[in-house]
Amino acid sequence: MPYYEADADAIARLESRLDRVGLPVVIYRKFMAILNAIEVQVEDEYADPQVTAALLEALLTAARLTDSEPGRAYVARVEECRAHIAKRLASRSTHPR
């Protein structure tokens, strides 16, 4: 099964940027749980675009709720990643049904 390193790396970059947001640990852990779920979705050929979109929307919602300048900057990074991932997933196999 192919491994999509570029897509997994895009999520890893979001993870590293999250460190700069300065969230309390309990909230940071919630972000990381969502990011881990997204990474599991995008790293192989059976990424489900609907599931991935829902997870990215959950991440965006959480980021929008952080009331800080770094949090607002993080929203922009998540939006960029969402566009990148959506474009790449469109060219892959679909999730086996």
PDB file of N, CA and C in Angstrom:
ATOM      1  N   MET A   1       0.859  -1.174   0.000  1.00  0.00           N
ATOM      2  CA  MET A   1       0.000   0.000   0.000  1.00  0.00           C
ATOM      3  C   MET A   1       0.904   1.237   0.000  1.00  0.00           C
ATOM      4  N   PRO A   2       0.643   2.167  -0.896  1.00  0.00           N
ATOM      5  CA  PRO A   2       1.470   3.388  -0.944  1.00  0.00           C
ATOM      6  C   PRO A   2       1.299   4.245   0.310  1.00  0.00           C
ATOM      7  N   TYR A   3       2.365   4.899   0.659  1.00  0.00           N
ATOM      8  CA  TYR A   3       2.354   5.856   1.773  1.00  0.00           C
ATOM      9  C   TYR A   3       2.514   7.243   1.176  1.00  0.00           C
ATOM     10  N   TYR A   4       1.626   8.171   1.500  1.00  0.00           N
ATOM     11  CA  TYR A   4       1.638   9.516   0.935  1.00  0.00           C
ATOM     12  C   TYR A   4       2.356  10.463   1.889  1.00  0.00           C
ATOM     13  N   GLU A   5       3.669  10.470   1.752  1.00  0.00           N
ATOM     14  CA  GLU A   5       4.525  11.234   2.653  1.00  0.00           C
ATOM     15  C   GLU A   5       4.242  12.731   2.610  1.00  0.00           C
ATOM     16  N   ALA A   6       3.996  13.280   1.432  1.00  0.00           N
ATOM     17  CA  ALA A   6       3.746  14.723   1.317  1.00  0.00           C
ATOM     18  C   ALA A   6       2.514  15.135   2.119  1.00  0.00           C
ATOM     19  N   ASP A   7       1.499  14.302   2.119  1.00  0.00           N
ATOM     20  CA  ASP A   7       0.280  14.629   2.854  1.00  0.00           C
ATOM     21  C   ASP A   7       0.496  14.468   4.363  1.00  0.00           C
ATOM     22  N   ALA A   8       1.189  13.409   4.752  1.00  0.00           N
ATOM     23  CA  ALA A   8       1.512  13.231   6.169  1.00  0.00           C
ATOM     24  C   ALA A   8       2.402  14.375   6.651  1.00  0.00           C
ATOM     25  N   ASP A   9       3.326  14.819   5.805  1.00  0.00           N
ATOM     26  CA  ASP A   9       4.199  15.945   6.163  1.00  0.00           C
ATOM     27  C   ASP A   9       3.413  17.241   6.332  1.00  0.00           C
ATOM     28  N   ALA A  10       2.377  17.433   5.518  1.00  0.00           N
ATOM     29  CA  ALA A  10       1.549  18.641   5.649  1.00  0.00           C
ATOM     30  C   ALA A  10       0.890  18.678   7.026  1.00  0.00           C
ATOM     31  N   ILE A  11       0.456  17.531   7.504  1.00  0.00           N
ATOM     32  CA  ILE A  11      -0.148  17.459   8.835  1.00  0.00           C
ATOM     33  C   ILE A  11       0.920  17.655   9.910  1.00  0.00           C
ATOM     34  N   ALA A  12       2.099  17.091   9.693  1.00  0.00           N
ATOM     35  CA  ALA A  12       3.204  17.275  10.653  1.00  0.00           C
ATOM     36  C   ALA A  12       3.568  18.757  10.785  1.00  0.00           C
ATOM     37  N   ARG A  13       3.498  19.492   9.679  1.00  0.00           N
ATOM     38  CA  ARG A  13       3.777  20.940   9.742  1.00  0.00           C
ATOM     39  C   ARG A  13       2.714  21.659  10.569  1.00  0.00           C
ATOM     40  N   LEU A  14       1.463  21.230  10.442  1.00  0.00           N
ATOM     41  CA  LEU A  14       0.409  21.815  11.281  1.00  0.00           C
ATOM     42  C   LEU A  14       0.681  21.509  12.756  1.00  0.00           C
ATOM     43  N   GLU A  15       1.136  20.296  13.030  1.00  0.00           N
ATOM     44  CA  GLU A  15       1.463  19.926  14.406  1.00  0.00           C
ATOM     45  C   GLU A  15       2.565  20.821  14.964  1.00  0.00           C
ATOM     46  N   SER A  16       3.606  21.044  14.165  1.00  0.00           N
ATOM     47  CA  SER A  16       4.720  21.873  14.663  1.00  0.00           C
ATOM     48  C   SER A  16       4.293  23.327  14.852  1.00  0.00           C
ATOM     49  N   ARG A  17       3.402  23.811  14.008  1.00  0.00           N
ATOM     50  CA  ARG A  17       2.908  25.190  14.161  1.00  0.00           C
ATOM     51  C   ARG A  17       1.998  25.338  15.374  1.00  0.00           C
ATOM     52  N   LEU A  18       1.340  24.254  15.737  1.00  0.00           N
ATOM     53  CA  LEU A  18       0.463  24.294  16.895  1.00  0.00           C
ATOM     54  C   LEU A  18       1.246  24.630  18.161  1.00  0.00           C
ATOM     55  N   ASP A  19       2.491  24.203  18.215  1.00  0.00           N
ATOM     56  CA  ASP A  19       3.335  24.501  19.377  1.00  0.00           C
ATOM     57  C   ASP A  19       3.456  26.001  19.613  1.00  0.00           C
ATOM     58  N   ARG A  20       3.379  26.782  18.559  1.00  0.00           N
ATOM     59  CA  ARG A  20       3.551  28.234  18.671  1.00  0.00           C
ATOM     60  C   ARG A  20       2.284  28.965  19.106  1.00  0.00           C
ATOM     61  N   VAL A  21       1.170  28.262  19.134  1.00  0.00           N
ATOM     62  CA  VAL A  21      -0.095  28.898  19.486  1.00  0.00           C
ATOM     63  C   VAL A  21      -0.172  29.163  20.991  1.00  0.00           C
ATOM     64  N   GLY A  22       0.512  28.358  21.787  1.00  0.00           N
ATOM     65  CA  GLY A  22       0.548  28.576  23.220  1.00  0.00           C
ATOM     66  C   GLY A  22      -0.727  28.191  23.941  1.00  0.00           C
ATOM     67  N   LEU A  23      -1.312  27.083  23.559  1.00  0.00           N
ATOM     68  CA  LEU A  23      -2.544  26.619  24.187  1.00  0.00           C
ATOM     69  C   LEU A  23      -2.258  25.933  25.517  1.00  0.00           C
ATOM     70  N   PRO A  24      -3.217  25.985  26.437  1.00  0.00           N
ATOM     71  CA  PRO A  24      -3.082  25.167  27.643  1.00  0.00           C
ATOM     72  C   PRO A  24      -2.992  23.681  27.247  1.00  0.00           C
ATOM     73  N   VAL A  25      -2.300  22.893  28.039  1.00  0.00           N
ATOM     74  CA  VAL A  25      -2.041  21.493  27.702  1.00  0.00           C
ATOM     75  C   VAL A  25      -3.316  20.711  27.412  1.00  0.00           C
ATOM     76  N   VAL A  26      -4.348  20.905  28.199  1.00  0.00           N
ATOM     77  CA  VAL A  26      -5.576  20.139  28.000  1.00  0.00           C
ATOM     78  C   VAL A  26      -6.201  20.438  26.634  1.00  0.00           C
ATOM     79  N   ILE A  27      -6.141  21.655  26.182  1.00  0.00           N
ATOM     80  CA  ILE A  27      -6.673  22.019  24.863  1.00  0.00           C
ATOM     81  C   ILE A  27      -5.721  21.555  23.761  1.00  0.00           C
ATOM     82  N   TYR A  28      -4.433  21.705  23.985  1.00  0.00           N
ATOM     83  CA  TYR A  28      -3.412  21.246  23.034  1.00  0.00           C
ATOM     84  C   TYR A  28      -3.618  19.757  22.726  1.00  0.00           C
ATOM     85  N   ARG A  29      -3.891  18.964  23.745  1.00  0.00           N
ATOM     86  CA  ARG A  29      -4.093  17.530  23.548  1.00  0.00           C
ATOM     87  C   ARG A  29      -5.291  17.259  22.652  1.00  0.00           C
ATOM     88  N   LYS A  30      -6.329  18.065  22.756  1.00  0.00           N
ATOM     89  CA  LYS A  30      -7.510  17.895  21.902  1.00  0.00           C
ATOM     90  C   LYS A  30      -7.163  18.184  20.433  1.00  0.00           C
ATOM     91  N   PHE A  31      -6.372  19.235  20.222  1.00  0.00           N
ATOM     92  CA  PHE A  31      -5.913  19.544  18.862  1.00  0.00           C
ATOM     93  C   PHE A  31      -5.095  18.380  18.309  1.00  0.00           C
ATOM     94  N   MET A  32      -4.193  17.857  19.122  1.00  0.00           N
ATOM     95  CA  MET A  32      -3.319  16.775  18.660  1.00  0.00           C
ATOM     96  C   MET A  32      -4.127  15.519  18.321  1.00  0.00           C
ATOM     97  N   ALA A  33      -5.177  15.251  19.075  1.00  0.00           N
ATOM     98  CA  ALA A  33      -6.024  14.096  18.769  1.00  0.00           C
ATOM     99  C   ALA A  33      -6.664  14.251  17.389  1.00  0.00           C
ATOM    100  N   ILE A  34      -7.148  15.438  17.094  1.00  0.00           N
ATOM    101  CA  ILE A  34      -7.749  15.687  15.772  1.00  0.00           C
ATOM    102  C   ILE A  34      -6.679  15.573  14.690  1.00  0.00           C
ATOM    103  N   LEU A  35      -5.508  16.171  14.925  1.00  0.00           N
ATOM    104  CA  LEU A  35      -4.420  16.098  13.939  1.00  0.00           C
ATOM    105  C   LEU A  35      -3.989  14.659  13.689  1.00  0.00           C
ATOM    106  N   ASN A  36      -3.921  13.855  14.726  1.00  0.00           N
ATOM    107  CA  ASN A  36      -3.551  12.443  14.551  1.00  0.00           C
ATOM    108  C   ASN A  36      -4.586  11.705  13.711  1.00  0.00           C
ATOM    109  N   ALA A  37      -5.859  11.999  13.939  1.00  0.00           N
ATOM    110  CA  ALA A  37      -6.913  11.367  13.140  1.00  0.00           C
ATOM    111  C   ALA A  37      -6.806  11.781  11.670  1.00  0.00           C
ATOM    112  N   ILE A  38      -6.486  13.039  11.423  1.00  0.00           N
ATOM    113  CA  ILE A  38      -6.323  13.507  10.043  1.00  0.00           C
ATOM    114  C   ILE A  38      -5.137  12.800   9.393  1.00  0.00           C
ATOM    115  N   GLU A  39      -4.045  12.701  10.130  1.00  0.00           N
ATOM    116  CA  GLU A  39      -2.852  12.042   9.579  1.00  0.00           C
ATOM    117  C   GLU A  39      -3.143  10.598   9.192  1.00  0.00           C
ATOM    118  N   VAL A  40      -3.872   9.883  10.039  1.00  0.00           N
ATOM    119  CA  VAL A  40      -4.237   8.500   9.725  1.00  0.00           C
ATOM    120  C   VAL A  40      -5.067   8.448   8.444  1.00  0.00           C
ATOM    121  N   GLN A  41      -5.923   9.420   8.234  1.00  0.00           N
ATOM    122  CA  GLN A  41      -6.751   9.458   7.033  1.00  0.00           C
ATOM    123  C   GLN A  41      -5.925   9.696   5.770  1.00  0.00           C
ATOM    124  N   VAL A  42      -4.983  10.621   5.807  1.00  0.00           N
ATOM    125  CA  VAL A  42      -4.327  11.061   4.569  1.00  0.00           C
ATOM    126  C   VAL A  42      -3.083  10.275   4.197  1.00  0.00           C
ATOM    127  N   GLU A  43      -2.563   9.446   5.084  1.00  0.00           N
ATOM    128  CA  GLU A  43      -1.270   8.827   4.818  1.00  0.00           C
ATOM    129  C   GLU A  43      -1.323   7.639   3.875  1.00  0.00           C
ATOM    130  N   ASP A  44      -2.492   7.091   3.580  1.00  0.00           N
ATOM    131  CA  ASP A  44      -2.530   5.952   2.664  1.00  0.00           C
ATOM    132  C   ASP A  44      -3.500   6.207   1.515  1.00  0.00           C
ATOM    133  N   GLU A  45      -3.561   5.262   0.610  1.00  0.00           N
ATOM    134  CA  GLU A  45      -4.337   5.463  -0.611  1.00  0.00           C
ATOM    135  C   GLU A  45      -5.848   5.417  -0.412  1.00  0.00           C
ATOM    136  N   TYR A  46      -6.297   4.999   0.752  1.00  0.00           N
ATOM    137  CA  TYR A  46      -7.725   4.894   0.984  1.00  0.00           C
ATOM    138  C   TYR A  46      -8.264   6.033   1.843  1.00  0.00           C
ATOM    139  N   ALA A  47      -7.668   7.182   1.722  1.00  0.00           N
ATOM    140  CA  ALA A  47      -8.146   8.353   2.446  1.00  0.00           C
ATOM    141  C   ALA A  47      -9.557   8.683   1.981  1.00  0.00           C
ATOM    142  N   ASP A  48     -10.432   8.886   2.921  1.00  0.00           N
ATOM    143  CA  ASP A  48     -11.803   9.238   2.574  1.00  0.00           C
ATOM    144  C   ASP A  48     -11.937  10.759   2.600  1.00  0.00           C
ATOM    145  N   PRO A  49     -12.191  11.383   1.458  1.00  0.00           N
ATOM    146  CA  PRO A  49     -12.264  12.845   1.414  1.00  0.00           C
ATOM    147  C   PRO A  49     -13.315  13.437   2.344  1.00  0.00           C
ATOM    148  N   GLN A  50     -14.446  12.767   2.524  1.00  0.00           N
ATOM    149  CA  GLN A  50     -15.498  13.295   3.401  1.00  0.00           C
ATOM    150  C   GLN A  50     -15.073  13.257   4.865  1.00  0.00           C
ATOM    151  N   VAL A  51     -14.457  12.174   5.271  1.00  0.00           N
ATOM    152  CA  VAL A  51     -13.989  12.065   6.650  1.00  0.00           C
ATOM    153  C   VAL A  51     -12.890  13.087   6.905  1.00  0.00           C
ATOM    154  N   THR A  52     -11.966  13.183   5.959  1.00  0.00           N
ATOM    155  CA  THR A  52     -10.860  14.137   6.104  1.00  0.00           C
ATOM    156  C   THR A  52     -11.391  15.564   6.173  1.00  0.00           C
ATOM    157  N   ALA A  53     -12.350  15.893   5.334  1.00  0.00           N
ATOM    158  CA  ALA A  53     -12.943  17.241   5.358  1.00  0.00           C
ATOM    159  C   ALA A  53     -13.616  17.524   6.693  1.00  0.00           C
ATOM    160  N   ALA A  54     -14.315  16.537   7.240  1.00  0.00           N
ATOM    161  CA  ALA A  54     -14.988  16.725   8.530  1.00  0.00           C
ATOM    162  C   ALA A  54     -13.965  16.933   9.650  1.00  0.00           C
ATOM    163  N   LEU A  55     -12.885  16.174   9.622  1.00  0.00           N
ATOM    164  CA  LEU A  55     -11.845  16.329  10.637  1.00  0.00           C
ATOM    165  C   LEU A  55     -11.155  17.693  10.524  1.00  0.00           C
ATOM    166  N   LEU A  56     -10.888  18.123   9.297  1.00  0.00           N
ATOM    167  CA  LEU A  56     -10.268  19.444   9.112  1.00  0.00           C
ATOM    168  C   LEU A  56     -11.222  20.551   9.559  1.00  0.00           C
ATOM    169  N   GLU A  57     -12.505  20.368   9.331  1.00  0.00           N
ATOM    170  CA  GLU A  57     -13.487  21.353   9.798  1.00  0.00           C
ATOM    171  C   GLU A  57     -13.515  21.393  11.326  1.00  0.00           C
ATOM    172  N   ALA A  58     -13.403  20.236  11.959  1.00  0.00           N
ATOM    173  CA  ALA A  58     -13.343  20.195  13.424  1.00  0.00           C
ATOM    174  C   ALA A  58     -12.100  20.930  13.931  1.00  0.00           C
ATOM    175  N   LEU A  59     -10.985  20.737  13.261  1.00  0.00           N
ATOM    176  CA  LEU A  59      -9.755  21.432  13.640  1.00  0.00           C
ATOM    177  C   LEU A  59      -9.907  22.944  13.467  1.00  0.00           C
ATOM    178  N   LEU A  60     -10.522  23.350  12.365  1.00  0.00           N
ATOM    179  CA  LEU A  60     -10.752  24.780  12.131  1.00  0.00           C
ATOM    180  C   LEU A  60     -11.671  25.375  13.193  1.00  0.00           C
ATOM    181  N   THR A  61     -12.712  24.661  13.538  1.00  0.00           N
ATOM    182  CA  THR A  61     -13.631  25.151  14.560  1.00  0.00           C
ATOM    183  C   THR A  61     -12.902  25.338  15.881  1.00  0.00           C
ATOM    184  N   ALA A  62     -12.110  24.363  16.266  1.00  0.00           N
ATOM    185  CA  ALA A  62     -11.341  24.463  17.509  1.00  0.00           C
ATOM    186  C   ALA A  62     -10.365  25.638  17.451  1.00  0.00           C
ATOM    187  N   ALA A  63      -9.723  25.820  16.316  1.00  0.00           N
ATOM    188  CA  ALA A  63      -8.754  26.916  16.174  1.00  0.00           C
ATOM    189  C   ALA A  63      -9.452  28.270  16.244  1.00  0.00           C
ATOM    190  N   ARG A  64     -10.615  28.365  15.651  1.00  0.00           N
ATOM    191  CA  ARG A  64     -11.355  29.636  15.693  1.00  0.00           C
ATOM    192  C   ARG A  64     -11.780  30.005  17.111  1.00  0.00           C
ATOM    193  N   LEU A  65     -11.959  29.011  17.948  1.00  0.00           N
ATOM    194  CA  LEU A  65     -12.386  29.253  19.326  1.00  0.00           C
ATOM    195  C   LEU A  65     -11.257  29.731  20.227  1.00  0.00           C
ATOM    196  N   THR A  66     -10.013  29.592  19.767  1.00  0.00           N
ATOM    197  CA  THR A  66      -8.900  30.124  20.556  1.00  0.00           C
ATOM    198  C   THR A  66      -8.885  31.630  20.343  1.00  0.00           C
ATOM    199  N   ASP A  67      -8.891  32.353  21.396  1.00  0.00           N
ATOM    200  CA  ASP A  67      -8.972  33.812  21.284  1.00  0.00           C
ATOM    201  C   ASP A  67      -7.582  34.412  21.464  1.00  0.00           C
ATOM    202  N   SER A  68      -6.757  34.226  20.434  1.00  0.00           N
ATOM    203  CA  SER A  68      -5.400  34.766  20.487  1.00  0.00           C
ATOM    204  C   SER A  68      -4.918  35.025  19.072  1.00  0.00           C
ATOM    205  N   GLU A  69      -3.938  35.878  18.947  1.00  0.00           N
ATOM    206  CA  GLU A  69      -3.352  36.152  17.639  1.00  0.00           C
ATOM    207  C   GLU A  69      -2.707  34.890  17.049  1.00  0.00           C
ATOM    208  N   PRO A  70      -1.920  34.127  17.838  1.00  0.00           N
ATOM    209  CA  PRO A  70      -1.373  32.886  17.278  1.00  0.00           C
ATOM    210  C   PRO A  70      -2.468  31.913  16.845  1.00  0.00           C
ATOM    211  N   GLY A  71      -3.575  31.890  17.583  1.00  0.00           N
ATOM    212  CA  GLY A  71      -4.688  31.024  17.202  1.00  0.00           C
ATOM    213  C   GLY A  71      -5.289  31.429  15.870  1.00  0.00           C
ATOM    214  N   ARG A  72      -5.443  32.721  15.676  1.00  0.00           N
ATOM    215  CA  ARG A  72      -5.979  33.216  14.394  1.00  0.00           C
ATOM    216  C   ARG A  72      -5.011  32.916  13.248  1.00  0.00           C
ATOM    217  N   ALA A  73      -3.719  33.028  13.505  1.00  0.00           N
ATOM    218  CA  ALA A  73      -2.727  32.692  12.477  1.00  0.00           C
ATOM    219  C   ALA A  73      -2.780  31.198  12.158  1.00  0.00           C
ATOM    220  N   TYR A  74      -3.052  30.398  13.172  1.00  0.00           N
ATOM    221  CA  TYR A  74      -3.147  28.958  12.970  1.00  0.00           C
ATOM    222  C   TYR A  74      -4.330  28.611  12.070  1.00  0.00           C
ATOM    223  N   VAL A  75      -5.411  29.346  12.191  1.00  0.00           N
ATOM    224  CA  VAL A  75      -6.573  29.130  11.312  1.00  0.00           C
ATOM    225  C   VAL A  75      -6.136  29.254   9.853  1.00  0.00           C
ATOM    226  N   ALA A  76      -5.340  30.259   9.546  1.00  0.00           N
ATOM    227  CA  ALA A  76      -4.870  30.448   8.169  1.00  0.00           C
ATOM    228  C   ALA A  76      -4.043  29.255   7.705  1.00  0.00           C
ATOM    229  N   ARG A  77      -3.205  28.708   8.580  1.00  0.00           N
ATOM    230  CA  ARG A  77      -2.381  27.549   8.225  1.00  0.00           C
ATOM    231  C   ARG A  77      -3.261  26.327   7.968  1.00  0.00           C
ATOM    232  N   VAL A  78      -4.288  26.146   8.788  1.00  0.00           N
ATOM    233  CA  VAL A  78      -5.197  25.012   8.606  1.00  0.00           C
ATOM    234  C   VAL A  78      -5.948  25.155   7.282  1.00  0.00           C
ATOM    235  N   GLU A  79      -6.371  26.374   6.954  1.00  0.00           N
ATOM    236  CA  GLU A  79      -7.061  26.613   5.673  1.00  0.00           C
ATOM    237  C   GLU A  79      -6.158  26.249   4.498  1.00  0.00           C
ATOM    238  N   GLU A  80      -4.897  26.646   4.562  1.00  0.00           N
ATOM    239  CA  GLU A  80      -3.944  26.303   3.492  1.00  0.00           C
ATOM    240  C   GLU A  80      -3.796  24.793   3.368  1.00  0.00           C
ATOM    241  N   CYS A  81      -3.650  24.131   4.499  1.00  0.00           N
ATOM    242  CA  CYS A  81      -3.494  22.680   4.498  1.00  0.00           C
ATOM    243  C   CYS A  81      -4.739  22.014   3.941  1.00  0.00           C
ATOM    244  N   ARG A  82      -5.909  22.505   4.318  1.00  0.00           N
ATOM    245  CA  ARG A  82      -7.167  21.923   3.836  1.00  0.00           C
ATOM    246  C   ARG A  82      -7.232  21.988   2.313  1.00  0.00           C
ATOM    247  N   ALA A  83      -6.856  23.095   1.730  1.00  0.00           N
ATOM    248  CA  ALA A  83      -6.872  23.226   0.269  1.00  0.00           C
ATOM    249  C   ALA A  83      -5.879  22.259  -0.374  1.00  0.00           C
ATOM    250  N   HIS A  84      -4.690  22.162   0.205  1.00  0.00           N
ATOM    251  CA  HIS A  84      -3.655  21.258  -0.307  1.00  0.00           C
ATOM    252  C   HIS A  84      -4.136  19.806  -0.268  1.00  0.00           C
ATOM    253  N   ILE A  85      -4.651  19.398   0.879  1.00  0.00           N
ATOM    254  CA  ILE A  85      -5.081  18.013   1.057  1.00  0.00           C
ATOM    255  C   ILE A  85      -6.270  17.688   0.146  1.00  0.00           C
ATOM    256  N   ALA A  86      -7.233  18.577   0.042  1.00  0.00           N
ATOM    257  CA  ALA A  86      -8.412  18.326  -0.797  1.00  0.00           C
ATOM    258  C   ALA A  86      -8.007  18.101  -2.251  1.00  0.00           C
ATOM    259  N   LYS A  87      -7.078  18.903  -2.724  1.00  0.00           N
ATOM    260  CA  LYS A  87      -6.621  18.765  -4.108  1.00  0.00           C
ATOM    261  C   LYS A  87      -5.936  17.413  -4.318  1.00  0.00           C
ATOM    262  N   ARG A  88      -5.106  17.026  -3.371  1.00  0.00           N
ATOM    263  CA  ARG A  88      -4.363  15.771  -3.506  1.00  0.00           C
ATOM    264  C   ARG A  88      -5.281  14.546  -3.354  1.00  0.00           C
ATOM    265  N   LEU A  89      -6.253  14.622  -2.460  1.00  0.00           N
ATOM    266  CA  LEU A  89      -7.140  13.480  -2.263  1.00  0.00           C
ATOM    267  C   LEU A  89      -8.035  13.239  -3.472  1.00  0.00           C
ATOM    268  N   ALA A  90      -8.338  14.279  -4.205  1.00  0.00           N
ATOM    269  CA  ALA A  90      -9.209  14.152  -5.379  1.00  0.00           C
ATOM    270  C   ALA A  90      -8.620  13.206  -6.427  1.00  0.00           C
ATOM    271  N   SER A  91      -7.311  13.027  -6.416  1.00  0.00           N
ATOM    272  CA  SER A  91      -6.674  12.186  -7.433  1.00  0.00           C
ATOM    273  C   SER A  91      -6.421  10.755  -6.958  1.00  0.00           C
ATOM    274  N   ARG A  92      -6.879  10.405  -5.782  1.00  0.00           N
ATOM    275  CA  ARG A  92      -6.610   9.069  -5.226  1.00  0.00           C
ATOM    276  C   ARG A  92      -7.799   8.112  -5.361  1.00  0.00           C
ATOM    277  N   SER A  93      -7.518   6.870  -5.002  1.00  0.00           N
ATOM    278  CA  SER A  93      -8.592   5.865  -4.904  1.00  0.00           C
ATOM    279  C   SER A  93      -9.567   6.305  -3.844  1.00  0.00           C
ATOM    280  N   THR A  94     -10.756   5.800  -3.924  1.00  0.00           N
ATOM    281  CA  THR A  94     -11.725   6.104  -2.886  1.00  0.00           C
ATOM    282  C   THR A  94     -11.659   5.049  -1.793  1.00  0.00           C
ATOM    283  N   HIS A  95     -12.239   5.387  -0.693  1.00  0.00           N
ATOM    284  CA  HIS A  95     -12.282   4.477   0.441  1.00  0.00           C
ATOM    285  C   HIS A  95     -13.060   3.224   0.034  1.00  0.00           C
ATOM    286  N   PRO A  96     -12.529   2.024   0.351  1.00  0.00           N
ATOM    287  CA  PRO A  96     -13.267   0.802  -0.018  1.00  0.00           C
ATOM    288  C   PRO A  96     -14.605   0.734   0.714  1.00  0.00           C
ATOM    289  N   ARG A  97     -15.634   0.419   0.011  1.00  0.00           N
ATOM    290  CA  ARG A  97     -16.988   0.381   0.596  1.00  0.00           C
ATOM    291  C   ARG A  97     -17.409  -1.073   0.769  1.00  0.00           C
TER     292      ARG A  97
END
